[in-house]
C-alpha atoms as a PDB file:
ATOM      1  CA  MET A   1     159.711  26.987 159.842  1.00  0.00           C
ATOM      2  CA  THR A   2     158.383  23.501 159.286  1.00  0.00           C
ATOM      3  CA  ILE A   3     158.769  21.567 156.074  1.00  0.00           C
ATOM      4  CA  ARG A   4     155.041  22.005 155.449  1.00  0.00           C
ATOM      5  CA  GLU A   5     155.302  25.784 155.874  1.00  0.00           C
ATOM      6  CA  PHE A   6     158.303  25.877 153.576  1.00  0.00           C
ATOM      7  CA  HIS A   7     156.449  23.771 151.005  1.00  0.00           C
ATOM      8  CA  ASN A   8     153.455  26.113 151.174  1.00  0.00           C
ATOM      9  CA  LYS A   9     155.734  29.115 150.613  1.00  0.00           C
ATOM     10  CA  ILE A  10     157.225  27.453 147.558  1.00  0.00           C
ATOM     11  CA  LYS A  11     153.749  26.802 146.146  1.00  0.00           C
ATOM     12  CA  THR A  12     152.875  30.496 146.453  1.00  0.00           C
ATOM     13  CA  LEU A  13     155.871  31.701 144.446  1.00  0.00           C
ATOM     14  CA  ASP A  14     154.970  33.369 141.168  1.00  0.00           C
ATOM     15  CA  ILE A  15     157.919  32.045 139.182  1.00  0.00           C
ATOM     16  CA  GLN A  16     156.942  33.842 135.982  1.00  0.00           C
ATOM     17  CA  TYR A  17     156.784  37.185 137.776  1.00  0.00           C
ATOM     18  CA  LEU A  18     160.146  36.530 139.440  1.00  0.00           C
ATOM     19  CA  LYS A  19     161.735  35.654 136.069  1.00  0.00           C
ATOM     20  CA  GLU A  20     160.422  38.851 134.503  1.00  0.00           C
ATOM     21  CA  GLN A  21     161.471  40.898 137.523  1.00  0.00           C
ATOM     22  CA  SER A  22     164.966  39.415 137.309  1.00  0.00           C
ATOM     23  CA  VAL A  23     165.300  40.623 133.727  1.00  0.00           C
ATOM     24  CA  TRP A  24     163.812  44.017 134.596  1.00  0.00           C
ATOM     25  CA  LEU A  25     166.247  44.542 137.458  1.00  0.00           C
ATOM     26  CA  ASN A  26     169.141  43.851 135.059  1.00  0.00           C
ATOM     27  CA  ARG A  27     167.763  45.824 132.093  1.00  0.00           C
ATOM     28  CA  ASP A  28     170.371  48.594 132.310  1.00  0.00           C
ATOM     29  CA  GLU A  29     173.235  46.107 132.118  1.00  0.00           C
ATOM     30  CA  ILE A  30     171.572  44.134 129.304  1.00  0.00           C
ATOM     31  CA  ILE A  31     171.113  47.364 127.357  1.00  0.00           C
ATOM     32  CA  ARG A  32     174.714  48.353 128.067  1.00  0.00           C
ATOM     33  CA  LEU A  33     175.896  45.004 126.687  1.00  0.00           C
ATOM     34  CA  ASN A  34     173.972  45.603 123.443  1.00  0.00           C
ATOM     35  CA  GLN A  35     175.317  49.136 123.152  1.00  0.00           C
ATOM     36  CA  SER A  36     178.889  48.001 123.777  1.00  0.00           C
ATOM     37  CA  GLN A  37     178.598  45.515 120.897  1.00  0.00           C
ATOM     38  CA  LEU A  38     177.395  48.239 118.573  1.00  0.00           C
ATOM     39  CA  HIS A  39     180.183  50.543 119.725  1.00  0.00           C
ATOM     40  CA  LEU A  40     182.618  47.891 118.535  1.00  0.00           C
ATOM     41  CA  GLY A  41     180.760  47.530 115.235  1.00  0.00           C
ATOM     42  CA  GLU A  42     179.246  44.120 116.104  1.00  0.00           C
ATOM     43  CA  ASN A  43     175.722  42.906 115.474  1.00  0.00           C
ATOM     44  CA  ALA A  44     173.780  40.493 117.681  1.00  0.00           C
ATOM     45  CA  SER A  45     175.142  37.507 115.738  1.00  0.00           C
ATOM     46  CA  GLY A  46     178.692  38.584 116.530  1.00  0.00           C
ATOM     47  CA  GLY A  47     179.398  39.645 112.964  1.00  0.00           C
ATOM     48  CA  GLN A  48     180.476  43.025 111.729  1.00  0.00           C
ATOM     49  CA  LEU A  49     177.819  45.683 111.119  1.00  0.00           C
ATOM     50  CA  SER A  50     177.276  46.004 107.419  1.00  0.00           C
ATOM     51  CA  PRO A  51     177.121  47.803 105.030  1.00  0.00           C
ATOM     52  CA  LEU A  52     180.362  49.638 105.723  1.00  0.00           C
ATOM     53  CA  TYR A  53     180.623  53.407 105.434  1.00  0.00           C
ATOM     54  CA  ARG A  54     180.875  54.227 101.726  1.00  0.00           C
ATOM     55  CA  SER A  55     182.273  57.699 102.172  1.00  0.00           C
ATOM     56  CA  LYS A  56     185.985  57.861 102.960  1.00  0.00           C
ATOM     57  CA  ILE A  57     185.500  61.385 104.337  1.00  0.00           C
ATOM     58  CA  TYR A  58     182.750  60.242 106.715  1.00  0.00           C
ATOM     59  CA  ALA A  59     184.745  57.165 107.777  1.00  0.00           C
ATOM     60  CA  GLU A  60     187.740  59.367 108.563  1.00  0.00           C
ATOM     61  CA  PHE A  61     185.498  61.772 110.468  1.00  0.00           C
ATOM     62  CA  LYS A  62     184.084  58.881 112.548  1.00  0.00           C
ATOM     63  CA  ALA A  63     187.589  57.518 113.197  1.00  0.00           C
ATOM     64  CA  SER A  64     188.616  60.926 114.524  1.00  0.00           C
ATOM     65  CA  LEU A  65     185.912  60.888 117.218  1.00  0.00           C
ATOM     66  CA  SER A  66     186.910  59.836 120.720  1.00  0.00           C
ATOM     67  CA  THR A  67     183.752  57.712 120.942  1.00  0.00           C
ATOM     68  CA  TYR A  68     184.558  55.610 117.867  1.00  0.00           C
ATOM     69  CA  GLU A  69     185.883  52.138 118.754  1.00  0.00           C
ATOM     70  CA  ALA A  70     184.852  50.079 115.717  1.00  0.00           C
ATOM     71  CA  PRO A  71     187.279  49.072 112.982  1.00  0.00           C
ATOM     72  CA  ASN A  72     187.727  51.621 110.181  1.00  0.00           C
ATOM     73  CA  TYR A  73     184.685  52.006 107.927  1.00  0.00           C
ATOM     74  CA  VAL A  74     182.551  49.840 110.253  1.00  0.00           C
ATOM     75  CA  PRO A  75     179.414  51.598 111.531  1.00  0.00           C
ATOM     76  CA  ASP A  76     178.882  51.941 115.269  1.00  0.00           C
ATOM     77  CA  LEU A  77     175.478  53.655 115.014  1.00  0.00           C
ATOM     78  CA  TYR A  78     176.638  56.354 117.409  1.00  0.00           C
ATOM     79  CA  LEU A  79     176.998  60.031 116.646  1.00  0.00           C
ATOM     80  CA  THR A  80     174.848  62.176 118.934  1.00  0.00           C
ATOM     81  CA  GLY A  81     174.019  59.347 121.339  1.00  0.00           C
ATOM     82  CA  ASN A  82     170.260  59.761 120.947  1.00  0.00           C
ATOM     83  CA  PHE A  83     169.802  56.320 119.399  1.00  0.00           C
ATOM     84  CA  TYR A  84     171.664  54.634 122.263  1.00  0.00           C
ATOM     85  CA  LYS A  85     169.961  56.757 124.938  1.00  0.00           C
ATOM     86  CA  SER A  86     166.522  55.600 123.839  1.00  0.00           C
ATOM     87  CA  PHE A  87     167.233  51.861 124.246  1.00  0.00           C
ATOM     88  CA  ASN A  88     164.783  49.922 126.373  1.00  0.00           C
ATOM     89  CA  ILE A  89     163.595  46.380 126.991  1.00  0.00           C
ATOM     90  CA  ASP A  90     160.196  44.821 126.391  1.00  0.00           C
ATOM     91  CA  ILE A  91     159.753  41.780 128.606  1.00  0.00           C
ATOM     92  CA  GLY A  92     157.521  38.994 127.360  1.00  0.00           C
ATOM     93  CA  ARG A  93     156.521  35.705 128.886  1.00  0.00           C
ATOM     94  CA  ASN A  94     159.757  33.835 128.237  1.00  0.00           C
ATOM     95  CA  GLU A  95     161.847  36.365 126.357  1.00  0.00           C
ATOM     96  CA  TYR A  96     162.788  39.979 126.183  1.00  0.00           C
ATOM     97  CA  ASP A  97     163.374  42.294 123.266  1.00  0.00           C
ATOM     98  CA  ILE A  98     165.754  45.224 123.154  1.00  0.00           C
ATOM     99  CA  PHE A  99     164.577  48.200 121.127  1.00  0.00           C
ATOM    100  CA  SER A 100     165.086  51.915 120.653  1.00  0.00           C
ATOM    101  CA  ASN A 101     162.422  54.608 120.591  1.00  0.00           C
ATOM    102  CA  ASP A 102     164.678  56.900 118.582  1.00  0.00           C
ATOM    103  CA  ASN A 103     163.186  58.184 115.340  1.00  0.00           C
ATOM    104  CA  LYS A 104     166.097  56.619 113.402  1.00  0.00           C
ATOM    105  CA  ALA A 105     165.583  53.128 114.846  1.00  0.00           C
ATOM    106  CA  ASP A 106     163.364  51.722 112.079  1.00  0.00           C
ATOM    107  CA  ASP A 107     165.667  52.967 109.333  1.00  0.00           C
ATOM    108  CA  LEU A 108     168.748  51.621 111.122  1.00  0.00           C
ATOM    109  CA  MET A 109     167.102  48.220 111.602  1.00  0.00           C
ATOM    110  CA  LEU A 110     166.285  48.037 107.890  1.00  0.00           C
ATOM    111  CA  LYS A 111     169.749  49.091 106.815  1.00  0.00           C
ATOM    112  CA  TYR A 112     171.927  47.128 109.249  1.00  0.00           C
ATOM    113  CA  LYS A 113     169.789  44.205 110.443  1.00  0.00           C
ATOM    114  CA  ASP A 114     170.397  42.284 113.648  1.00  0.00           C
ATOM    115  CA  ILE A 115     171.375  45.332 115.719  1.00  0.00           C
ATOM    116  CA  PHE A 116     169.182  44.553 118.725  1.00  0.00           C
ATOM    117  CA  GLY A 117     170.087  41.552 120.824  1.00  0.00           C
ATOM    118  CA  LEU A 118     173.170  40.074 122.389  1.00  0.00           C
ATOM    119  CA  THR A 119     176.074  38.061 121.055  1.00  0.00           C
ATOM    120  CA  ASP A 120     176.491  34.575 122.507  1.00  0.00           C
ATOM    121  CA  LYS A 121     179.193  35.878 124.856  1.00  0.00           C
ATOM    122  CA  ASN A 122     176.966  38.704 126.098  1.00  0.00           C
ATOM    123  CA  LYS A 123     173.947  36.384 126.383  1.00  0.00           C
ATOM    124  CA  GLU A 124     176.016  34.299 128.781  1.00  0.00           C
ATOM    125  CA  ILE A 125     176.893  37.383 130.836  1.00  0.00           C
ATOM    126  CA  ALA A 126     173.245  38.484 130.896  1.00  0.00           C
ATOM    127  CA  MET A 127     172.082  34.976 131.822  1.00  0.00           C
ATOM    128  CA  GLN A 128     174.481  34.891 134.774  1.00  0.00           C
ATOM    129  CA  LEU A 129     173.234  38.270 136.003  1.00  0.00           C
ATOM    130  CA  VAL A 130     169.573  37.380 135.594  1.00  0.00           C
ATOM    131  CA  THR A 131     170.013  33.944 137.182  1.00  0.00           C
ATOM    132  CA  LYS A 132     171.787  35.413 140.211  1.00  0.00           C
ATOM    133  CA  THR A 133     169.000  37.971 140.637  1.00  0.00           C
ATOM    134  CA  PHE A 134     166.356  35.259 140.202  1.00  0.00           C
ATOM    135  CA  VAL A 135     167.931  33.066 142.888  1.00  0.00           C
ATOM    136  CA  ASN A 136     168.200  36.045 145.248  1.00  0.00           C
ATOM    137  CA  LEU A 137     164.543  36.983 144.693  1.00  0.00           C
ATOM    138  CA  ILE A 138     163.424  33.432 145.421  1.00  0.00           C
ATOM    139  CA  SER A 139     165.616  33.287 148.496  1.00  0.00           C
ATOM    140  CA  ASP A 140     164.203  36.571 149.762  1.00  0.00           C
ATOM    141  CA  LYS A 141     160.620  35.386 149.223  1.00  0.00           C
ATOM    142  CA  LEU A 142     161.255  32.157 151.080  1.00  0.00           C
ATOM    143  CA  LYS A 143     162.821  33.932 154.054  1.00  0.00           C
ATOM    144  CA  ASN A 144     159.758  36.088 154.705  1.00  0.00           C
END
């Protein structure tokens, strides 16, 4: 391939599409990162989910579950798994939003705030995954 042909290939790349595709191809891992934070009782800012469980009986019940990994009295927003199972990603022009289609999602967002999104540490992990995918997509397009 000549330099001119290579240059012409570069000009035909749809960078925005490739960025969005890179996020889409990593959506399951991005969602898993958000869910793992919640499982530990962390919000997207890296703080503890709040308010804490008020009921000692309910907190003890949650602590007895094999799925509970948060500190005592700290919500993890997981009981049946339906809320977590309905997580998805909406990809915009230069951002993406994590959300849940579960019927409890709106109430949980009002009560706990900042539950969707990634901590700085998990943003870094997601950025590495998305960047690697992006580079691979560009490489593949330029090879053809």
